[in-house]
Amino acid sequence: MEEKRHSARIETNRPVKIIGGNKEVKGRLISLSPSGAAVESPLPARKGTRLRLVFDLPAKDRFAQLDLWGEVHHSAIHGDNYLLGLSFTEPKPSDQEAIQGFIDYVNKIKSLSRRGSGSSML
């Protein structure tokens, strides 16, 4: 059965703190949506594990620090690390708005760069 995503997802490469049980590690946020994330972690996690993700996103005139809980839905070896797919559990509307704002901003920048790639800016 094919999984369907219900919200926009954006690729990224931002640092993330991954906290689970009595361990805390530094990882990379690989992709992000208002409902979940893919993170690269130096440690594995089993399906169903609840992890806390703490990361910053640019938001308007400041950086927003997000602190979200997620449940691991899949885990795979990714180079020397592990790729964990998580769904956020009970995200605050303000966190989802910050994520959607970041996605919209990145998509706008990509759109502007594609449109401007064929013309010279003098």
Protein backbone atom coordinates (compact mmCIF):
# COMPACT_ATOMS: atom_id res chain seq x y z
CA MET A 1 0.00 0.00 0.00
CA GLU A 2 1.39 3.40 -1.00
CA GLU A 3 1.59 6.09 1.70
CA LYS A 4 0.17 9.46 0.67
CA ARG A 5 1.44 12.65 2.24
CA HIS A 6 -1.20 15.19 3.13
CA SER A 7 0.98 18.30 3.36
CA ALA A 8 3.75 20.02 1.45
CA ARG A 9 7.25 18.77 2.20
CA ILE A 10 10.49 20.63 1.58
CA GLU A 11 14.05 19.33 1.44
CA THR A 12 16.40 21.02 3.85
CA ASN A 13 19.75 20.56 5.55
CA ARG A 14 19.34 22.16 8.95
CA PRO A 15 20.80 21.03 12.28
CA VAL A 16 18.40 19.33 14.71
CA LYS A 17 18.73 18.12 18.28
CA ILE A 18 17.19 14.64 18.63
CA ILE A 19 16.18 13.66 22.16
CA GLY A 20 14.90 10.24 23.13
CA GLY A 21 14.94 8.44 26.46
CA ASN A 22 18.15 9.43 28.19
CA LYS A 23 20.06 10.24 24.96
CA GLU A 24 20.50 13.46 23.06
CA VAL A 25 22.30 13.62 19.70
CA LYS A 26 22.91 16.15 16.97
CA GLY A 27 21.43 15.30 13.61
CA ARG A 28 20.34 16.85 10.31
CA LEU A 29 16.83 17.76 9.26
CA ILE A 30 16.59 16.30 5.74
CA SER A 31 12.99 17.16 4.90
CA LEU A 32 10.16 18.89 6.70
CA SER A 33 6.39 19.31 6.49
CA PRO A 34 3.82 20.68 8.94
CA SER A 35 2.96 17.07 9.85
CA GLY A 36 6.38 15.39 10.00
CA ALA A 37 10.07 15.26 9.19
CA ALA A 38 12.90 13.09 7.96
CA VAL A 39 16.04 13.36 10.06
CA GLU A 40 19.52 11.93 9.75
CA SER A 41 20.66 10.55 13.10
CA PRO A 42 23.91 8.93 14.27
CA LEU A 43 21.76 6.50 16.31
CA PRO A 44 18.98 4.18 15.12
CA ALA A 45 15.41 4.25 16.44
CA ARG A 46 12.68 1.62 16.17
CA LYS A 47 9.30 2.16 14.60
CA GLY A 48 6.93 3.57 17.22
CA THR A 49 9.66 5.31 19.22
CA ARG A 50 8.73 8.82 20.41
CA LEU A 51 11.48 11.37 19.85
CA ARG A 52 11.71 15.08 20.57
CA LEU A 53 13.11 17.31 17.81
CA VAL A 54 14.44 20.78 18.59
CA PHE A 55 15.47 23.03 15.69
CA ASP A 56 15.43 26.62 14.44
CA LEU A 57 13.75 27.93 11.30
CA PRO A 58 14.00 31.41 9.81
CA ALA A 59 10.70 33.20 10.42
CA LYS A 60 10.00 36.72 9.16
CA ASP A 61 12.41 38.92 11.16
CA ARG A 62 13.77 36.27 13.55
CA PHE A 63 14.45 32.58 14.00
CA ALA A 64 11.69 30.47 15.51
CA GLN A 65 12.81 27.63 17.79
CA LEU A 66 10.57 24.61 17.38
CA ASP A 67 10.32 21.86 19.97
CA LEU A 68 8.21 19.00 18.61
CA TRP A 69 7.46 15.41 19.51
CA GLY A 70 7.31 12.84 16.76
CA GLU A 71 6.77 9.13 16.33
CA VAL A 72 9.17 7.12 14.19
CA HIS A 73 7.38 5.52 11.24
CA HIS A 74 10.43 4.18 9.44
CA SER A 75 14.17 3.88 9.85
CA ALA A 76 16.85 3.02 7.28
CA ILE A 77 20.62 3.07 7.03
CA HIS A 78 21.74 6.30 5.36
CA GLY A 79 25.50 6.29 4.73
CA ASP A 80 27.18 6.14 8.15
CA ASN A 81 23.96 7.30 9.86
CA TYR A 82 20.27 6.46 10.00
CA LEU A 83 17.39 8.14 8.21
CA LEU A 84 14.34 8.38 10.47
CA GLY A 85 10.89 9.32 9.20
CA LEU A 86 8.69 10.85 11.88
CA SER A 87 5.12 12.09 12.14
CA PHE A 88 4.62 14.93 14.61
CA THR A 89 2.32 14.11 17.51
CA GLU A 90 0.11 16.95 18.68
CA PRO A 91 2.03 19.83 17.04
CA LYS A 92 0.98 23.32 18.13
CA PRO A 93 -0.72 25.40 15.42
CA SER A 94 2.02 28.04 15.81
CA ASP A 95 4.69 25.40 15.05
CA GLN A 96 2.79 24.20 11.98
CA GLU A 97 2.41 27.82 10.82
CA ALA A 98 6.17 28.43 11.26
CA ILE A 99 6.95 25.29 9.23
CA GLN A 100 4.47 26.23 6.49
CA GLY A 101 5.91 29.77 6.41
CA PHE A 102 9.40 28.32 5.95
CA ILE A 103 8.17 26.02 3.15
CA ASP A 104 6.41 28.92 1.41
CA TYR A 105 9.55 31.09 1.72
CA VAL A 106 11.84 28.41 0.27
CA ASN A 107 9.43 27.72 -2.59
CA LYS A 108 9.18 31.45 -3.36
CA ILE A 109 12.99 31.79 -3.47
CA LYS A 110 13.22 28.75 -5.78
CA SER A 111 10.53 30.21 -8.04
CA LEU A 112 12.27 33.58 -8.22
CA SER A 113 15.64 32.00 -8.99
CA ARG A 114 14.15 29.91 -11.83
CA ARG A 115 12.38 32.92 -13.28
CA GLY A 116 15.49 35.08 -13.07
CA SER A 117 17.95 32.47 -14.40
CA GLY A 118 17.30 33.39 -18.03
CA SER A 119 17.71 37.12 -17.64
CA SER A 120 20.55 39.38 -16.69
CA MET A 121 20.23 41.65 -13.67
CA LEU A 122 22.13 44.88 -14.30
